[in-house]
């Protein structure tokens, strides 16, 4: 890694930002995107099933 401090000890925030972005970009993006795309789909299915169960329970109680 490069030394981002000069001889006087000045702090270089641009260097740290570049290193942080490089670190973030190295992460496994494919797995994260796959989980993000399948997450809402699973949540939608669970939500629809829960709504159907609730409506069925309310209808059953109303007709009882």
PDB file of N, CA and C in Angstrom:
ATOM      1  N   UNK A   1       0.848  -1.185   0.000  1.00  0.00           N
ATOM      2  CA  UNK A   1       0.000   0.000   0.000  1.00  0.00           C
ATOM      3  C   UNK A   1       0.888   1.241   0.000  1.00  0.00           C
ATOM      4  N   UNK A   2       0.401   2.260  -0.623  1.00  0.00           N
ATOM      5  CA  UNK A   2       1.159   3.497  -0.705  1.00  0.00           C
ATOM      6  C   UNK A   2       0.987   4.303   0.572  1.00  0.00           C
ATOM      7  N   UNK A   3       2.013   5.016   0.942  1.00  0.00           N
ATOM      8  CA  UNK A   3       1.937   5.892   2.104  1.00  0.00           C
ATOM      9  C   UNK A   3       1.254   7.178   1.668  1.00  0.00           C
ATOM     10  N   UNK A   4       0.081   7.486   2.239  1.00  0.00           N
ATOM     11  CA  UNK A   4      -0.670   8.661   1.813  1.00  0.00           C
ATOM     12  C   UNK A   4      -0.295   9.900   2.603  1.00  0.00           C
ATOM     13  N   UNK A   5       0.611   9.770   3.547  1.00  0.00           N
ATOM     14  CA  UNK A   5       1.031  10.933   4.325  1.00  0.00           C
ATOM     15  C   UNK A   5       2.354  11.462   3.779  1.00  0.00           C
ATOM     16  N   UNK A   6       2.430  12.784   3.660  1.00  0.00           N
ATOM     17  CA  UNK A   6       3.645  13.419   3.176  1.00  0.00           C
ATOM     18  C   UNK A   6       4.692  13.472   4.275  1.00  0.00           C
ATOM     19  N   UNK A   7       5.828  14.071   3.977  1.00  0.00           N
ATOM     20  CA  UNK A   7       6.894  14.154   4.979  1.00  0.00           C
ATOM     21  C   UNK A   7       6.483  14.994   6.199  1.00  0.00           C
ATOM     22  N   UNK A   8       5.552  15.931   6.044  1.00  0.00           N
ATOM     23  CA  UNK A   8       5.111  16.752   7.164  1.00  0.00           C
ATOM     24  C   UNK A   8       3.992  16.062   7.951  1.00  0.00           C
ATOM     25  N   UNK A   9       3.524  14.904   7.506  1.00  0.00           N
ATOM     26  CA  UNK A   9       2.452  14.211   8.198  1.00  0.00           C
ATOM     27  C   UNK A   9       1.079  14.709   7.789  1.00  0.00           C
ATOM     28  N   UNK A  10       0.981  15.363   6.629  1.00  0.00           N
ATOM     29  CA  UNK A  10      -0.321  15.835   6.152  1.00  0.00           C
ATOM     30  C   UNK A  10      -1.198  14.643   5.794  1.00  0.00           C
ATOM     31  N   UNK A  11      -2.461  14.757   6.092  1.00  0.00           N
ATOM     32  CA  UNK A  11      -3.419  13.685   5.844  1.00  0.00           C
ATOM     33  C   UNK A  11      -4.030  13.863   4.459  1.00  0.00           C
ATOM     34  N   UNK A  12      -4.079  12.818   3.679  1.00  0.00           N
ATOM     35  CA  UNK A  12      -4.629  12.861   2.330  1.00  0.00           C
ATOM     36  C   UNK A  12      -5.969  12.138   2.301  1.00  0.00           C
ATOM     37  N   UNK A  13      -7.106  12.850   2.444  1.00  0.00           N
ATOM     38  CA  UNK A  13      -8.397  12.174   2.467  1.00  0.00           C
ATOM     39  C   UNK A  13      -8.770  11.554   1.122  1.00  0.00           C
ATOM     40  N   UNK A  14      -8.271  12.081   0.020  1.00  0.00           N
ATOM     41  CA  UNK A  14      -8.596  11.510  -1.286  1.00  0.00           C
ATOM     42  C   UNK A  14      -8.011  10.113  -1.414  1.00  0.00           C
ATOM     43  N   UNK A  15      -6.837   9.897  -0.900  1.00  0.00           N
ATOM     44  CA  UNK A  15      -6.221   8.574  -0.943  1.00  0.00           C
ATOM     45  C   UNK A  15      -7.020   7.567  -0.152  1.00  0.00           C
ATOM     46  N   UNK A  16      -7.510   7.954   1.008  1.00  0.00           N
ATOM     47  CA  UNK A  16      -8.314   7.043   1.818  1.00  0.00           C
ATOM     48  C   UNK A  16      -9.634   6.722   1.128  1.00  0.00           C
ATOM     49  N   UNK A  17     -10.233   7.701   0.478  1.00  0.00           N
ATOM     50  CA  UNK A  17     -11.488   7.461  -0.235  1.00  0.00           C
ATOM     51  C   UNK A  17     -11.264   6.481  -1.370  1.00  0.00           C
ATOM     52  N   UNK A  18     -10.158   6.639  -2.086  1.00  0.00           N
ATOM     53  CA  UNK A  18      -9.860   5.731  -3.186  1.00  0.00           C
ATOM     54  C   UNK A  18      -9.627   4.313  -2.681  1.00  0.00           C
ATOM     55  N   UNK A  19      -8.929   4.181  -1.565  1.00  0.00           N
ATOM     56  CA  UNK A  19      -8.689   2.853  -1.006  1.00  0.00           C
ATOM     57  C   UNK A  19      -9.997   2.231  -0.522  1.00  0.00           C
ATOM     58  N   UNK A  20     -10.872   3.034   0.069  1.00  0.00           N
ATOM     59  CA  UNK A  20     -12.151   2.519   0.540  1.00  0.00           C
ATOM     60  C   UNK A  20     -13.007   2.043  -0.626  1.00  0.00           C
ATOM     61  N   UNK A  21     -13.048   2.833  -1.688  1.00  0.00           N
ATOM     62  CA  UNK A  21     -13.833   2.431  -2.862  1.00  0.00           C
ATOM     63  C   UNK A  21     -13.271   1.159  -3.483  1.00  0.00           C
ATOM     64  N   UNK A  22     -11.958   1.032  -3.523  1.00  0.00           N
ATOM     65  CA  UNK A  22     -11.354  -0.193  -4.057  1.00  0.00           C
ATOM     66  C   UNK A  22     -11.717  -1.382  -3.181  1.00  0.00           C
ATOM     67  N   UNK A  23     -11.723  -1.186  -1.869  1.00  0.00           N
ATOM     68  CA  UNK A  23     -12.093  -2.258  -0.944  1.00  0.00           C
ATOM     69  C   UNK A  23     -13.551  -2.664  -1.138  1.00  0.00           C
ATOM     70  N   UNK A  24     -14.442  -1.701  -1.282  1.00  0.00           N
ATOM     71  CA  UNK A  24     -15.862  -1.994  -1.457  1.00  0.00           C
ATOM     72  C   UNK A  24     -16.103  -2.685  -2.795  1.00  0.00           C
ATOM     73  N   UNK A  25     -15.416  -2.242  -3.840  1.00  0.00           N
ATOM     74  CA  UNK A  25     -15.612  -2.825  -5.164  1.00  0.00           C
ATOM     75  C   UNK A  25     -15.088  -4.254  -5.253  1.00  0.00           C
ATOM     76  N   UNK A  26     -14.173  -4.656  -4.349  1.00  0.00           N
ATOM     77  CA  UNK A  26     -13.626  -6.007  -4.383  1.00  0.00           C
ATOM     78  C   UNK A  26     -14.612  -7.037  -3.854  1.00  0.00           C
ATOM     79  N   UNK A  27     -15.653  -6.615  -3.151  1.00  0.00           N
ATOM     80  CA  UNK A  27     -16.595  -7.538  -2.532  1.00  0.00           C
ATOM     81  C   UNK A  27     -17.327  -8.384  -3.551  1.00  0.00           C
ATOM     82  N   UNK A  28     -17.904  -9.510  -3.109  1.00  0.00           N
ATOM     83  CA  UNK A  28     -18.648 -10.374  -4.027  1.00  0.00           C
ATOM     84  C   UNK A  28     -19.977  -9.752  -4.420  1.00  0.00           C
ATOM     85  N   UNK A  29     -19.999  -9.059  -5.535  1.00  0.00           N
ATOM     86  CA  UNK A  29     -21.205  -8.349  -5.948  1.00  0.00           C
ATOM     87  C   UNK A  29     -22.242  -9.290  -6.530  1.00  0.00           C
ATOM     88  N   UNK A  30     -21.820 -10.352  -7.201  1.00  0.00           N
ATOM     89  CA  UNK A  30     -22.766 -11.270  -7.820  1.00  0.00           C
ATOM     90  C   UNK A  30     -23.661 -11.934  -6.783  1.00  0.00           C
ATOM     91  N   UNK A  31     -23.079 -12.409  -5.690  1.00  0.00           N
ATOM     92  CA  UNK A  31     -23.879 -13.049  -4.661  1.00  0.00           C
ATOM     93  C   UNK A  31     -24.815 -12.081  -3.980  1.00  0.00           C
ATOM     94  N   UNK A  32     -24.353 -10.864  -3.776  1.00  0.00           N
ATOM     95  CA  UNK A  32     -25.195  -9.864  -3.118  1.00  0.00           C
ATOM     96  C   UNK A  32     -26.369  -9.473  -4.012  1.00  0.00           C
ATOM     97  N   UNK A  33     -26.137  -9.346  -5.317  1.00  0.00           N
ATOM     98  CA  UNK A  33     -27.215  -8.993  -6.224  1.00  0.00           C
ATOM     99  C   UNK A  33     -28.210 -10.133  -6.353  1.00  0.00           C
ATOM    100  N   UNK A  34     -27.716 -11.364  -6.332  1.00  0.00           N
ATOM    101  CA  UNK A  34     -28.615 -12.501  -6.410  1.00  0.00           C
ATOM    102  C   UNK A  34     -29.503 -12.557  -5.179  1.00  0.00           C
ATOM    103  N   UNK A  35     -28.933 -12.370  -4.004  1.00  0.00           N
ATOM    104  CA  UNK A  35     -29.726 -12.413  -2.779  1.00  0.00           C
ATOM    105  C   UNK A  35     -30.729 -11.267  -2.753  1.00  0.00           C
ATOM    106  N   UNK A  36     -30.328 -10.106  -3.246  1.00  0.00           N
ATOM    107  CA  UNK A  36     -31.244  -8.967  -3.251  1.00  0.00           C
ATOM    108  C   UNK A  36     -32.393  -9.186  -4.216  1.00  0.00           C
ATOM    109  N   UNK A  37     -32.141  -9.855  -5.333  1.00  0.00           N
ATOM    110  CA  UNK A  37     -33.215 -10.069  -6.299  1.00  0.00           C
ATOM    111  C   UNK A  37     -34.155 -11.187  -5.855  1.00  0.00           C
ATOM    112  N   UNK A  38     -33.648 -12.183  -5.144  1.00  0.00           N
ATOM    113  CA  UNK A  38     -34.518 -13.266  -4.697  1.00  0.00           C
ATOM    114  C   UNK A  38     -35.205 -12.919  -3.380  1.00  0.00           C
ATOM    115  N   UNK A  39     -34.648 -12.004  -2.603  1.00  0.00           N
ATOM    116  CA  UNK A  39     -35.243 -11.636  -1.325  1.00  0.00           C
ATOM    117  C   UNK A  39     -36.640 -11.061  -1.446  1.00  0.00           C
ATOM    118  N   UNK A  40     -36.856 -10.048  -2.264  1.00  0.00           N
ATOM    119  CA  UNK A  40     -38.205  -9.493  -2.402  1.00  0.00           C
ATOM    120  C   UNK A  40     -39.195 -10.492  -2.988  1.00  0.00           C
ATOM    121  N   UNK A  41     -38.741 -11.375  -3.845  1.00  0.00           N
ATOM    122  CA  UNK A  41     -39.638 -12.365  -4.426  1.00  0.00           C
ATOM    123  C   UNK A  41     -40.135 -13.321  -3.341  1.00  0.00           C
ATOM    124  N   UNK A  42     -39.248 -13.770  -2.478  1.00  0.00           N
ATOM    125  CA  UNK A  42     -39.640 -14.663  -1.386  1.00  0.00           C
ATOM    126  C   UNK A  42     -40.547 -13.922  -0.415  1.00  0.00           C
ATOM    127  N   UNK A  43     -40.228 -12.671  -0.125  1.00  0.00           N
ATOM    128  CA  UNK A  43     -41.070 -11.872   0.753  1.00  0.00           C
ATOM    129  C   UNK A  43     -42.461 -11.669   0.186  1.00  0.00           C
ATOM    130  N   UNK A  44     -42.539 -11.492  -1.112  1.00  0.00           N
ATOM    131  CA  UNK A  44     -43.843 -11.313  -1.763  1.00  0.00           C
ATOM    132  C   UNK A  44     -44.670 -12.585  -1.654  1.00  0.00           C
ATOM    133  N   UNK A  45     -44.044 -13.725  -1.883  1.00  0.00           N
ATOM    134  CA  UNK A  45     -44.764 -14.999  -1.794  1.00  0.00           C
ATOM    135  C   UNK A  45     -45.268 -15.228  -0.374  1.00  0.00           C
ATOM    136  N   UNK A  46     -44.416 -14.996   0.609  1.00  0.00           N
ATOM    137  CA  UNK A  46     -44.823 -15.167   2.007  1.00  0.00           C
ATOM    138  C   UNK A  46     -45.939 -14.190   2.366  1.00  0.00           C
ATOM    139  N   UNK A  47     -45.855 -12.969   1.890  1.00  0.00           N
ATOM    140  CA  UNK A  47     -46.893 -11.976   2.155  1.00  0.00           C
ATOM    141  C   UNK A  47     -48.230 -12.351   1.553  1.00  0.00           C
ATOM    142  N   UNK A  48     -48.213 -12.855   0.329  1.00  0.00           N
ATOM    143  CA  UNK A  48     -49.457 -13.266  -0.330  1.00  0.00           C
ATOM    144  C   UNK A  48     -50.071 -14.454   0.396  1.00  0.00           C
ATOM    145  N   UNK A  49     -49.251 -15.418   0.776  1.00  0.00           N
ATOM    146  CA  UNK A  49     -49.767 -16.579   1.512  1.00  0.00           C
ATOM    147  C   UNK A  49     -50.354 -16.148   2.845  1.00  0.00           C
ATOM    148  N   UNK A  50     -49.655 -15.248   3.548  1.00  0.00           N
ATOM    149  CA  UNK A  50     -50.168 -14.761   4.830  1.00  0.00           C
ATOM    150  C   UNK A  50     -51.495 -14.020   4.636  1.00  0.00           C
ATOM    151  N   UNK A  51     -51.602 -13.210   3.583  1.00  0.00           N
ATOM    152  CA  UNK A  51     -52.846 -12.478   3.331  1.00  0.00           C
ATOM    153  C   UNK A  51     -53.996 -13.436   3.032  1.00  0.00           C
ATOM    154  N   UNK A  52     -53.731 -14.486   2.257  1.00  0.00           N
ATOM    155  CA  UNK A  52     -54.772 -15.466   1.937  1.00  0.00           C
ATOM    156  C   UNK A  52     -55.219 -16.192   3.204  1.00  0.00           C
ATOM    157  N   UNK A  53     -54.275 -16.548   4.059  1.00  0.00           N
ATOM    158  CA  UNK A  53     -54.619 -17.229   5.313  1.00  0.00           C
ATOM    159  C   UNK A  53     -55.451 -16.308   6.207  1.00  0.00           C
ATOM    160  N   UNK A  54     -55.085 -15.052   6.294  1.00  0.00           N
ATOM    161  CA  UNK A  54     -55.831 -14.109   7.136  1.00  0.00           C
ATOM    162  C   UNK A  54     -57.244 -13.904   6.590  1.00  0.00           C
ATOM    163  N   UNK A  55     -57.368 -13.716   5.284  1.00  0.00           N
ATOM    164  CA  UNK A  55     -58.693 -13.525   4.684  1.00  0.00           C
ATOM    165  C   UNK A  55     -59.548 -14.772   4.882  1.00  0.00           C
ATOM    166  N   UNK A  56     -58.955 -15.962   4.728  1.00  0.00           N
ATOM    167  CA  UNK A  56     -59.690 -17.208   4.927  1.00  0.00           C
ATOM    168  C   UNK A  56     -60.143 -17.339   6.380  1.00  0.00           C
ATOM    169  N   UNK A  57     -59.280 -16.964   7.322  1.00  0.00           N
ATOM    170  CA  UNK A  57     -59.639 -17.048   8.736  1.00  0.00           C
ATOM    171  C   UNK A  57     -60.763 -16.079   9.075  1.00  0.00           C
ATOM    172  N   UNK A  58     -60.715 -14.876   8.556  1.00  0.00           N
ATOM    173  CA  UNK A  58     -61.770 -13.879   8.806  1.00  0.00           C
ATOM    174  C   UNK A  58     -63.084 -14.357   8.183  1.00  0.00           C
ATOM    175  N   UNK A  59     -63.043 -14.889   6.974  1.00  0.00           N
ATOM    176  CA  UNK A  59     -64.260 -15.379   6.330  1.00  0.00           C
ATOM    177  C   UNK A  59     -64.824 -16.561   7.109  1.00  0.00           C
ATOM    178  N   UNK A  60     -63.965 -17.455   7.583  1.00  0.00           N
ATOM    179  CA  UNK A  60     -64.427 -18.618   8.351  1.00  0.00           C
ATOM    180  C   UNK A  60     -65.103 -18.165   9.659  1.00  0.00           C
ATOM    181  N   UNK A  61     -64.487 -17.166  10.332  1.00  0.00           N
ATOM    182  CA  UNK A  61     -65.082 -16.665  11.573  1.00  0.00           C
ATOM    183  C   UNK A  61     -66.391 -15.935  11.304  1.00  0.00           C
ATOM    184  N   UNK A  62     -66.488 -15.242  10.190  1.00  0.00           N
ATOM    185  CA  UNK A  62     -67.712 -14.507   9.861  1.00  0.00           C
ATOM    186  C   UNK A  62     -68.857 -15.455   9.520  1.00  0.00           C
ATOM    187  N   UNK A  63     -68.569 -16.568   8.884  1.00  0.00           N
ATOM    188  CA  UNK A  63     -69.610 -17.504   8.490  1.00  0.00           C
ATOM    189  C   UNK A  63     -69.941 -18.526   9.575  1.00  0.00           C
ATOM    190  N   UNK A  64     -69.178 -18.571  10.616  1.00  0.00           N
ATOM    191  CA  UNK A  64     -69.363 -19.539  11.687  1.00  0.00           C
ATOM    192  C   UNK A  64     -70.562 -19.249  12.524  1.00  0.00           C
TER     193      UNK A  64
END
